[in-house]
Amino acid sequence: MALLKANAGSYRWTAATVGSNNAAGYQLATRTPVMAVGGFNGTDPAPTLKQFQDYVAQKRIHYFIGGGTAMGRGGMGGAAGGSDAAQKIAEWVQAAFTARTVGGVTVYDLTSR
């Protein structure tokens, strides 16, 4: 996804998404760091919502990619499950940022406000 490569050097993580299976594909395709919210399959309570919000406020993460394990309950695609922390992060992103579809993928620009 070319979008993640744009200005990649300006961010600690070019994107975040729920689960390392999701993050790995984007990281390998773009050769940029992608945060795996909720760890391996989205069930670990890391980062917390507060930590994630702090990263966003510090402009350390550029995009959030929808469609992970915790996204199903939030209406963002993917299967139900994930940690409470991952679910809270997904819900906060959905409520606070505007969704955009790029190449069939839902993306939120975390620097847009």
C-alpha atoms as a PDB file:
ATOM      1  CA  MET A   1       0.000   0.000   0.000  1.00  0.00           C
ATOM      2  CA  ALA A   2       1.760   3.123  -1.265  1.00  0.00           C
ATOM      3  CA  LEU A   3      -0.185   5.279   1.182  1.00  0.00           C
ATOM      4  CA  LEU A   4       1.793   3.865   4.118  1.00  0.00           C
ATOM      5  CA  LYS A   5       5.117   4.660   2.478  1.00  0.00           C
ATOM      6  CA  ALA A   6       4.343   8.376   2.088  1.00  0.00           C
ATOM      7  CA  ASN A   7       6.275  10.300   4.752  1.00  0.00           C
ATOM      8  CA  ALA A   8       7.008   7.016   6.544  1.00  0.00           C
ATOM      9  CA  GLY A   9      10.184   8.411   8.091  1.00  0.00           C
ATOM     10  CA  SER A  10       8.165  10.990  10.017  1.00  0.00           C
ATOM     11  CA  TYR A  11       6.430   8.381  12.191  1.00  0.00           C
ATOM     12  CA  ARG A  12       7.468   5.653  14.636  1.00  0.00           C
ATOM     13  CA  TRP A  13       4.713   3.489  13.132  1.00  0.00           C
ATOM     14  CA  THR A  14       3.331   4.157   9.672  1.00  0.00           C
ATOM     15  CA  ALA A  15       0.156   2.369  10.733  1.00  0.00           C
ATOM     16  CA  ALA A  16      -1.509   0.339  13.445  1.00  0.00           C
ATOM     17  CA  THR A  17      -3.938  -2.532  13.028  1.00  0.00           C
ATOM     18  CA  VAL A  18      -5.369  -5.223  15.269  1.00  0.00           C
ATOM     19  CA  GLY A  19      -3.254  -8.380  15.450  1.00  0.00           C
ATOM     20  CA  SER A  20       0.209  -9.190  14.221  1.00  0.00           C
ATOM     21  CA  ASN A  21      -1.129 -11.326  11.378  1.00  0.00           C
ATOM     22  CA  ASN A  22      -2.698  -8.184   9.919  1.00  0.00           C
ATOM     23  CA  ALA A  23       0.269  -5.970  10.794  1.00  0.00           C
ATOM     24  CA  ALA A  24       2.838  -8.382   9.325  1.00  0.00           C
ATOM     25  CA  GLY A  25       1.354  -8.314   5.850  1.00  0.00           C
ATOM     26  CA  TYR A  26       1.407  -4.524   5.701  1.00  0.00           C
ATOM     27  CA  GLN A  27       4.851  -4.321   7.256  1.00  0.00           C
ATOM     28  CA  LEU A  28       6.323  -6.809   4.792  1.00  0.00           C
ATOM     29  CA  ALA A  29       4.616  -5.198   1.795  1.00  0.00           C
ATOM     30  CA  THR A  30       5.696  -1.664   2.665  1.00  0.00           C
ATOM     31  CA  ARG A  31       8.904  -2.320   4.609  1.00  0.00           C
ATOM     32  CA  THR A  32       7.686   0.174   7.215  1.00  0.00           C
ATOM     33  CA  PRO A  33       6.908  -0.390  10.923  1.00  0.00           C
ATOM     34  CA  VAL A  34       3.274  -1.318  11.637  1.00  0.00           C
ATOM     35  CA  MET A  35       1.962  -1.620  15.204  1.00  0.00           C
ATOM     36  CA  ALA A  36       0.134  -4.829  16.065  1.00  0.00           C
ATOM     37  CA  VAL A  37      -2.595  -3.662  18.461  1.00  0.00           C
ATOM     38  CA  GLY A  38      -3.443  -6.489  20.842  1.00  0.00           C
ATOM     39  CA  GLY A  39      -0.360  -8.534  20.007  1.00  0.00           C
ATOM     40  CA  PHE A  40      -0.401 -11.740  17.985  1.00  0.00           C
ATOM     41  CA  ASN A  41      -4.134 -12.152  17.450  1.00  0.00           C
ATOM     42  CA  GLY A  42      -5.544  -9.002  19.048  1.00  0.00           C
ATOM     43  CA  THR A  43      -6.220 -10.533  22.466  1.00  0.00           C
ATOM     44  CA  ASP A  44      -3.376  -8.994  24.484  1.00  0.00           C
ATOM     45  CA  PRO A  45      -4.236  -5.810  26.419  1.00  0.00           C
ATOM     46  CA  ALA A  46      -1.452  -3.807  24.825  1.00  0.00           C
ATOM     47  CA  PRO A  47      -1.321  -1.027  24.159  1.00  0.00           C
ATOM     48  CA  THR A  48      -4.024   0.359  26.389  1.00  0.00           C
ATOM     49  CA  LEU A  49      -6.435   2.909  24.964  1.00  0.00           C
ATOM     50  CA  LYS A  50      -4.651   5.656  26.929  1.00  0.00           C
ATOM     51  CA  GLN A  51      -1.243   4.610  25.578  1.00  0.00           C
ATOM     52  CA  PHE A  52      -2.602   4.478  22.037  1.00  0.00           C
ATOM     53  CA  GLN A  53      -4.223   7.908  22.423  1.00  0.00           C
ATOM     54  CA  ASP A  54      -0.909   9.279  23.696  1.00  0.00           C
ATOM     55  CA  TYR A  55       0.910   7.853  20.662  1.00  0.00           C
ATOM     56  CA  VAL A  56      -1.668   9.470  18.379  1.00  0.00           C
ATOM     57  CA  ALA A  57      -1.403  12.821  20.204  1.00  0.00           C
ATOM     58  CA  GLN A  58       2.382  12.653  19.837  1.00  0.00           C
ATOM     59  CA  LYS A  59       1.965  11.996  16.079  1.00  0.00           C
ATOM     60  CA  ARG A  60       3.821   8.678  16.390  1.00  0.00           C
ATOM     61  CA  ILE A  61       1.277   6.689  14.331  1.00  0.00           C
ATOM     62  CA  HIS A  62       0.113   7.881  10.917  1.00  0.00           C
ATOM     63  CA  TYR A  63      -2.741   5.509   9.996  1.00  0.00           C
ATOM     64  CA  PHE A  64      -5.052   2.950  11.546  1.00  0.00           C
ATOM     65  CA  ILE A  65      -6.017   0.093   9.243  1.00  0.00           C
ATOM     66  CA  GLY A  66      -9.482  -1.272   9.890  1.00  0.00           C
ATOM     67  CA  GLY A  67     -10.448  -4.904   9.714  1.00  0.00           C
ATOM     68  CA  GLY A  68      -8.694  -6.774  12.490  1.00  0.00           C
ATOM     69  CA  THR A  69      -9.786  -9.322  15.026  1.00  0.00           C
ATOM     70  CA  ALA A  70     -11.399  -6.751  17.335  1.00  0.00           C
ATOM     71  CA  MET A  71     -13.017  -4.852  14.496  1.00  0.00           C
ATOM     72  CA  GLY A  72     -16.019  -7.125  14.032  1.00  0.00           C
ATOM     73  CA  ARG A  73     -17.843  -5.845  17.093  1.00  0.00           C
ATOM     74  CA  GLY A  74     -17.143  -2.264  16.090  1.00  0.00           C
ATOM     75  CA  GLY A  75     -18.594  -2.659  12.622  1.00  0.00           C
ATOM     76  CA  MET A  76     -15.254  -2.298  10.894  1.00  0.00           C
ATOM     77  CA  GLY A  77     -15.020  -5.804   9.365  1.00  0.00           C
ATOM     78  CA  GLY A  78     -13.122  -8.861  10.539  1.00  0.00           C
ATOM     79  CA  ALA A  79     -14.122 -11.549  12.990  1.00  0.00           C
ATOM     80  CA  ALA A  80     -15.464 -10.962  16.481  1.00  0.00           C
ATOM     81  CA  GLY A  81     -12.955 -11.331  19.283  1.00  0.00           C
ATOM     82  CA  GLY A  82      -9.907  -9.415  20.397  1.00  0.00           C
ATOM     83  CA  SER A  83      -9.044  -7.879  23.726  1.00  0.00           C
ATOM     84  CA  ASP A  84     -11.080  -5.265  25.470  1.00  0.00           C
ATOM     85  CA  ALA A  85      -8.174  -2.858  24.890  1.00  0.00           C
ATOM     86  CA  ALA A  86      -8.086  -3.573  21.147  1.00  0.00           C
ATOM     87  CA  GLN A  87     -11.866  -3.170  20.956  1.00  0.00           C
ATOM     88  CA  LYS A  88     -11.729   0.158  22.793  1.00  0.00           C
ATOM     89  CA  ILE A  89      -8.988   1.398  20.487  1.00  0.00           C
ATOM     90  CA  ALA A  90     -10.942   0.353  17.385  1.00  0.00           C
ATOM     91  CA  GLU A  91     -14.104   2.036  18.688  1.00  0.00           C
ATOM     92  CA  TRP A  92     -12.238   5.229  19.589  1.00  0.00           C
ATOM     93  CA  VAL A  93     -10.591   5.411  16.163  1.00  0.00           C
ATOM     94  CA  GLN A  94     -13.928   4.831  14.438  1.00  0.00           C
ATOM     95  CA  ALA A  95     -15.601   7.571  16.494  1.00  0.00           C
ATOM     96  CA  ALA A  96     -12.775  10.110  16.335  1.00  0.00           C
ATOM     97  CA  PHE A  97     -11.511   9.832  12.749  1.00  0.00           C
ATOM     98  CA  THR A  98     -12.986   9.667   9.273  1.00  0.00           C
ATOM     99  CA  ALA A  99     -12.852   6.366   7.423  1.00  0.00           C
ATOM    100  CA  ARG A 100     -11.485   6.249   3.913  1.00  0.00           C
ATOM    101  CA  THR A 101     -11.277   3.265   1.606  1.00  0.00           C
ATOM    102  CA  VAL A 102      -7.959   2.743  -0.165  1.00  0.00           C
ATOM    103  CA  GLY A 103      -7.553  -0.330  -2.346  1.00  0.00           C
ATOM    104  CA  GLY A 104     -10.530  -1.967  -0.673  1.00  0.00           C
ATOM    105  CA  VAL A 105      -9.114  -1.384   2.834  1.00  0.00           C
ATOM    106  CA  THR A 106     -10.578   0.932   5.475  1.00  0.00           C
ATOM    107  CA  VAL A 107      -7.942   3.426   6.618  1.00  0.00           C
ATOM    108  CA  TYR A 108      -8.098   6.204   9.200  1.00  0.00           C
ATOM    109  CA  ASP A 109      -5.584   9.074   9.108  1.00  0.00           C
ATOM    110  CA  LEU A 110      -4.659   9.556  12.781  1.00  0.00           C
ATOM    111  CA  THR A 111      -2.990  12.885  12.011  1.00  0.00           C
ATOM    112  CA  SER A 112      -6.133  14.440  10.539  1.00  0.00           C
ATOM    113  CA  ARG A 113      -7.209  16.378  13.584  1.00  0.00           C
END
